[in-house]
C-alpha atoms as a PDB file:
ATOM      1  CA  UNK A   1     -29.655  20.268 -15.486  1.00  0.00           C
ATOM      2  CA  UNK A   2     -26.874  20.098 -17.257  1.00  0.00           C
ATOM      3  CA  UNK A   3     -23.969  20.173 -13.881  1.00  0.00           C
ATOM      4  CA  UNK A   4     -25.441  17.137 -13.385  1.00  0.00           C
ATOM      5  CA  UNK A   5     -26.055  15.463 -16.535  1.00  0.00           C
ATOM      6  CA  UNK A   6     -22.282  15.974 -16.223  1.00  0.00           C
ATOM      7  CA  UNK A   7     -21.251  14.858 -12.870  1.00  0.00           C
ATOM      8  CA  UNK A   8     -23.760  12.428 -13.515  1.00  0.00           C
ATOM      9  CA  UNK A   9     -21.683  10.990 -16.475  1.00  0.00           C
ATOM     10  CA  UNK A  10     -18.553  11.705 -14.630  1.00  0.00           C
ATOM     11  CA  UNK A  11     -19.345   9.565 -12.049  1.00  0.00           C
ATOM     12  CA  UNK A  12     -20.928   6.696 -13.938  1.00  0.00           C
ATOM     13  CA  UNK A  13     -17.134   6.537 -16.506  1.00  0.00           C
ATOM     14  CA  UNK A  14     -15.234   5.911 -12.820  1.00  0.00           C
ATOM     15  CA  UNK A  15     -17.461   3.987 -11.550  1.00  0.00           C
ATOM     16  CA  UNK A  16     -17.265   1.766 -14.783  1.00  0.00           C
ATOM     17  CA  UNK A  17     -13.868   2.439 -14.956  1.00  0.00           C
ATOM     18  CA  UNK A  18     -12.484   1.350 -11.558  1.00  0.00           C
ATOM     19  CA  UNK A  19     -12.746  -2.557  -9.852  1.00  0.00           C
ATOM     20  CA  UNK A  20     -12.454  -2.933  -6.869  1.00  0.00           C
ATOM     21  CA  UNK A  21     -10.343  -4.957  -4.945  1.00  0.00           C
ATOM     22  CA  UNK A  22     -11.660  -8.153  -3.170  1.00  0.00           C
ATOM     23  CA  UNK A  23     -10.263 -10.160  -1.347  1.00  0.00           C
ATOM     24  CA  UNK A  24      -8.852 -13.696  -3.002  1.00  0.00           C
ATOM     25  CA  UNK A  25      -8.531 -11.142  -6.268  1.00  0.00           C
ATOM     26  CA  UNK A  26      -5.574 -11.238  -7.872  1.00  0.00           C
ATOM     27  CA  UNK A  27      -3.526  -8.404  -6.399  1.00  0.00           C
ATOM     28  CA  UNK A  28      -2.713  -6.049  -9.598  1.00  0.00           C
ATOM     29  CA  UNK A  29       0.791  -6.373 -10.094  1.00  0.00           C
ATOM     30  CA  UNK A  30       3.157  -3.249 -10.859  1.00  0.00           C
ATOM     31  CA  UNK A  31       6.543  -1.844 -11.454  1.00  0.00           C
ATOM     32  CA  UNK A  32       7.407   0.907  -9.658  1.00  0.00           C
ATOM     33  CA  UNK A  33      10.813   2.909  -8.319  1.00  0.00           C
ATOM     34  CA  UNK A  34      11.851   2.100  -4.134  1.00  0.00           C
ATOM     35  CA  UNK A  35      13.619   4.336  -1.590  1.00  0.00           C
ATOM     36  CA  UNK A  36      16.989   3.410  -2.759  1.00  0.00           C
ATOM     37  CA  UNK A  37      16.001   3.996  -7.142  1.00  0.00           C
ATOM     38  CA  UNK A  38      16.258   0.088  -8.052  1.00  0.00           C
ATOM     39  CA  UNK A  39      13.569  -1.153  -9.658  1.00  0.00           C
ATOM     40  CA  UNK A  40      10.531  -3.043  -8.676  1.00  0.00           C
ATOM     41  CA  UNK A  41       8.107  -5.698 -10.141  1.00  0.00           C
ATOM     42  CA  UNK A  42       5.226  -7.272  -7.465  1.00  0.00           C
ATOM     43  CA  UNK A  43       5.371 -10.503  -9.803  1.00  0.00           C
ATOM     44  CA  UNK A  44       9.228 -10.620  -7.513  1.00  0.00           C
ATOM     45  CA  UNK A  45       6.806 -11.289  -4.987  1.00  0.00           C
ATOM     46  CA  UNK A  46       5.302 -14.696  -6.110  1.00  0.00           C
ATOM     47  CA  UNK A  47       6.130 -17.394  -3.722  1.00  0.00           C
ATOM     48  CA  UNK A  48       6.200 -14.542  -0.727  1.00  0.00           C
ATOM     49  CA  UNK A  49       3.870 -13.054   1.998  1.00  0.00           C
ATOM     50  CA  UNK A  50       3.710  -8.786   0.693  1.00  0.00           C
ATOM     51  CA  UNK A  51       2.107  -6.389   2.974  1.00  0.00           C
ATOM     52  CA  UNK A  52       1.570  -3.604   1.260  1.00  0.00           C
ATOM     53  CA  UNK A  53       0.764  -0.485   3.246  1.00  0.00           C
ATOM     54  CA  UNK A  54      -0.746   3.123   0.953  1.00  0.00           C
ATOM     55  CA  UNK A  55      -0.103   5.581   3.381  1.00  0.00           C
ATOM     56  CA  UNK A  56      -0.626   9.606   2.204  1.00  0.00           C
ATOM     57  CA  UNK A  57       2.635  10.866   2.726  1.00  0.00           C
ATOM     58  CA  UNK A  58       6.381  10.549   3.942  1.00  0.00           C
ATOM     59  CA  UNK A  59       7.381  12.300   6.625  1.00  0.00           C
ATOM     60  CA  UNK A  60       3.726  13.541   8.019  1.00  0.00           C
ATOM     61  CA  UNK A  61       3.124  12.755  11.653  1.00  0.00           C
ATOM     62  CA  UNK A  62       0.701   9.896  11.310  1.00  0.00           C
ATOM     63  CA  UNK A  63       2.776   8.173   8.494  1.00  0.00           C
ATOM     64  CA  UNK A  64       5.836   8.933  10.592  1.00  0.00           C
ATOM     65  CA  UNK A  65       4.247   6.751  13.127  1.00  0.00           C
ATOM     66  CA  UNK A  66       2.811   3.483  11.311  1.00  0.00           C
ATOM     67  CA  UNK A  67       6.283   3.583   9.145  1.00  0.00           C
ATOM     68  CA  UNK A  68       8.478   3.642  12.029  1.00  0.00           C
ATOM     69  CA  UNK A  69       5.540   0.605  13.699  1.00  0.00           C
ATOM     70  CA  UNK A  70       6.582  -1.162  10.576  1.00  0.00           C
ATOM     71  CA  UNK A  71      10.183  -0.444  11.153  1.00  0.00           C
ATOM     72  CA  UNK A  72      10.069  -1.566  15.045  1.00  0.00           C
ATOM     73  CA  UNK A  73       7.571  -4.961  13.958  1.00  0.00           C
ATOM     74  CA  UNK A  74       9.603  -5.995  11.431  1.00  0.00           C
ATOM     75  CA  UNK A  75      10.909  -9.340  12.573  1.00  0.00           C
ATOM     76  CA  UNK A  76       7.829 -10.189  13.900  1.00  0.00           C
ATOM     77  CA  UNK A  77       6.305 -10.065  10.306  1.00  0.00           C
ATOM     78  CA  UNK A  78       9.685 -11.668   8.470  1.00  0.00           C
ATOM     79  CA  UNK A  79       9.668 -14.391  11.213  1.00  0.00           C
ATOM     80  CA  UNK A  80       6.159 -15.062   9.384  1.00  0.00           C
ATOM     81  CA  UNK A  81       7.502 -15.332   5.687  1.00  0.00           C
ATOM     82  CA  UNK A  82       6.856 -12.134   4.461  1.00  0.00           C
ATOM     83  CA  UNK A  83       7.946  -8.301   3.782  1.00  0.00           C
ATOM     84  CA  UNK A  84       6.734  -4.495   4.056  1.00  0.00           C
ATOM     85  CA  UNK A  85       6.310  -2.306   1.106  1.00  0.00           C
ATOM     86  CA  UNK A  86       4.651   1.117   2.054  1.00  0.00           C
ATOM     87  CA  UNK A  87       3.311   3.052  -0.678  1.00  0.00           C
ATOM     88  CA  UNK A  88       2.911   6.357  -0.832  1.00  0.00           C
ATOM     89  CA  UNK A  89       2.384   8.702  -3.430  1.00  0.00           C
ATOM     90  CA  UNK A  90       5.530  10.810  -3.154  1.00  0.00           C
ATOM     91  CA  UNK A  91       9.182  11.516  -5.985  1.00  0.00           C
ATOM     92  CA  UNK A  92      12.233   8.241  -5.179  1.00  0.00           C
ATOM     93  CA  UNK A  93      13.938  11.734  -3.541  1.00  0.00           C
ATOM     94  CA  UNK A  94      11.201  12.228  -0.936  1.00  0.00           C
ATOM     95  CA  UNK A  95      10.371   8.412  -0.044  1.00  0.00           C
ATOM     96  CA  UNK A  96      14.314   8.074   0.419  1.00  0.00           C
ATOM     97  CA  UNK A  97      15.092  11.407   3.007  1.00  0.00           C
ATOM     98  CA  UNK A  98      11.538   9.607   4.799  1.00  0.00           C
ATOM     99  CA  UNK A  99      13.443   5.510   4.723  1.00  0.00           C
ATOM    100  CA  UNK A 100      16.963   7.488   5.800  1.00  0.00           C
ATOM    101  CA  UNK A 101      15.369  10.326   8.498  1.00  0.00           C
ATOM    102  CA  UNK A 102      13.185   7.102  10.987  1.00  0.00           C
ATOM    103  CA  UNK A 103      16.296   4.097   9.778  1.00  0.00           C
ATOM    104  CA  UNK A 104      13.651   2.581   8.421  1.00  0.00           C
ATOM    105  CA  UNK A 105      14.291  -1.639   7.578  1.00  0.00           C
ATOM    106  CA  UNK A 106      11.668  -1.792   4.739  1.00  0.00           C
ATOM    107  CA  UNK A 107      11.062  -0.899   1.597  1.00  0.00           C
ATOM    108  CA  UNK A 108       9.361   2.369   0.111  1.00  0.00           C
ATOM    109  CA  UNK A 109       7.776   2.967  -2.967  1.00  0.00           C
ATOM    110  CA  UNK A 110       7.084   5.620  -4.728  1.00  0.00           C
ATOM    111  CA  UNK A 111       4.351   6.441  -6.766  1.00  0.00           C
ATOM    112  CA  UNK A 112       4.723   9.960  -7.916  1.00  0.00           C
ATOM    113  CA  UNK A 113       2.601   9.771 -10.701  1.00  0.00           C
ATOM    114  CA  UNK A 114      -0.273   7.715  -8.722  1.00  0.00           C
ATOM    115  CA  UNK A 115      -0.939   4.457 -11.123  1.00  0.00           C
ATOM    116  CA  UNK A 116       0.147   2.528  -8.175  1.00  0.00           C
ATOM    117  CA  UNK A 117      -2.051   3.703  -5.719  1.00  0.00           C
ATOM    118  CA  UNK A 118      -5.085   3.726  -8.538  1.00  0.00           C
ATOM    119  CA  UNK A 119      -4.608   0.699  -9.785  1.00  0.00           C
ATOM    120  CA  UNK A 120      -5.911  -0.566  -5.734  1.00  0.00           C
ATOM    121  CA  UNK A 121      -8.594   1.796  -5.454  1.00  0.00           C
ATOM    122  CA  UNK A 122      -6.205   3.569  -2.198  1.00  0.00           C
ATOM    123  CA  UNK A 123      -6.148   7.229  -4.620  1.00  0.00           C
ATOM    124  CA  UNK A 124      -7.935  10.565  -3.252  1.00  0.00           C
ATOM    125  CA  UNK A 125     -10.247  11.613  -5.929  1.00  0.00           C
ATOM    126  CA  UNK A 126      -9.826  15.332  -5.305  1.00  0.00           C
ATOM    127  CA  UNK A 127      -5.652  15.280  -4.301  1.00  0.00           C
ATOM    128  CA  UNK A 128      -2.565  13.532  -5.103  1.00  0.00           C
ATOM    129  CA  UNK A 129      -2.745  11.823  -2.566  1.00  0.00           C
ATOM    130  CA  UNK A 130      -3.152   7.617  -1.341  1.00  0.00           C
ATOM    131  CA  UNK A 131      -6.517   7.336   1.523  1.00  0.00           C
ATOM    132  CA  UNK A 132      -4.006   4.842   4.340  1.00  0.00           C
ATOM    133  CA  UNK A 133      -4.283   1.103   3.022  1.00  0.00           C
ATOM    134  CA  UNK A 134      -3.629  -2.214   3.390  1.00  0.00           C
ATOM    135  CA  UNK A 135      -3.121  -4.651   1.843  1.00  0.00           C
ATOM    136  CA  UNK A 136      -1.580  -9.039   2.524  1.00  0.00           C
ATOM    137  CA  UNK A 137      -1.004 -10.343  -0.730  1.00  0.00           C
ATOM    138  CA  UNK A 138      -0.396 -13.879  -0.205  1.00  0.00           C
ATOM    139  CA  UNK A 139       2.374 -16.220  -1.654  1.00  0.00           C
ATOM    140  CA  UNK A 140       0.468 -16.761  -4.706  1.00  0.00           C
ATOM    141  CA  UNK A 141      -0.102 -12.797  -5.268  1.00  0.00           C
ATOM    142  CA  UNK A 142      -4.609 -12.935  -4.693  1.00  0.00           C
ATOM    143  CA  UNK A 143      -5.370 -10.371  -1.987  1.00  0.00           C
ATOM    144  CA  UNK A 144      -5.809 -11.817   1.581  1.00  0.00           C
ATOM    145  CA  UNK A 145      -6.583  -8.558   3.624  1.00  0.00           C
ATOM    146  CA  UNK A 146      -7.595  -5.218   2.926  1.00  0.00           C
ATOM    147  CA  UNK A 147      -7.627  -3.201   6.129  1.00  0.00           C
ATOM    148  CA  UNK A 148      -9.329   0.727   4.215  1.00  0.00           C
ATOM    149  CA  UNK A 149      -9.765   1.156   8.378  1.00  0.00           C
ATOM    150  CA  UNK A 150      -6.341   1.721  10.487  1.00  0.00           C
ATOM    151  CA  UNK A 151      -5.094   2.772  12.929  1.00  0.00           C
ATOM    152  CA  UNK A 152      -1.388   3.845  12.468  1.00  0.00           C
ATOM    153  CA  UNK A 153      -0.388   3.117  15.556  1.00  0.00           C
ATOM    154  CA  UNK A 154      -1.619  -0.092  15.329  1.00  0.00           C
ATOM    155  CA  UNK A 155      -1.428  -0.997  11.469  1.00  0.00           C
ATOM    156  CA  UNK A 156       1.230  -3.472  12.084  1.00  0.00           C
ATOM    157  CA  UNK A 157       1.189  -5.500  15.127  1.00  0.00           C
ATOM    158  CA  UNK A 158      -2.679  -6.279  12.970  1.00  0.00           C
ATOM    159  CA  UNK A 159      -0.694  -7.618  10.201  1.00  0.00           C
ATOM    160  CA  UNK A 160       1.328  -9.415  11.553  1.00  0.00           C
ATOM    161  CA  UNK A 161      -1.516 -11.315  14.291  1.00  0.00           C
ATOM    162  CA  UNK A 162      -3.106 -11.454  10.516  1.00  0.00           C
ATOM    163  CA  UNK A 163      -1.137 -13.673   8.736  1.00  0.00           C
ATOM    164  CA  UNK A 164      -0.090 -15.355  11.301  1.00  0.00           C
ATOM    165  CA  UNK A 165      -4.426 -16.065  11.520  1.00  0.00           C
ATOM    166  CA  UNK A 166      -3.681 -17.604   7.590  1.00  0.00           C
ATOM    167  CA  UNK A 167      -0.572 -19.622   7.974  1.00  0.00           C
ATOM    168  CA  UNK A 168      -2.706 -21.237  11.335  1.00  0.00           C
ATOM    169  CA  UNK A 169      -5.469 -22.477   8.643  1.00  0.00           C
END
């Protein structure tokens, strides 16, 4: 009974202090380091479409497929006035190696302490990893799309199509 009470209390505390991000709500702003050690502030993206895609771990099979798909589709996404930022609970050094190894042409964000993943609700509770979720943020820094069922191979094409749809409405 004591264990049940303890687990219930922890779950309640977690749920009471976790605000679920909803479509059309303001994007949680944050500051972090990029793969090249430069400061990144989401507030600097105001006026631009922004794609934040969270992935579990740099240089693992699914994450590599997803990053390479964004690399290969970046022109289409940028032609829509958007830019892509990959976020994982990796160090600046790990992100830099991943970026260089696969000749990525967009920015990776290091979230070694998991604070950004926590803000966006993507941090796995039992591991120091992020879930694979993609957020599209509009120029007013509001969330326009949340994909929690990401296919790493198709994510870039899906994002490009979604931004086109948003802009044509």
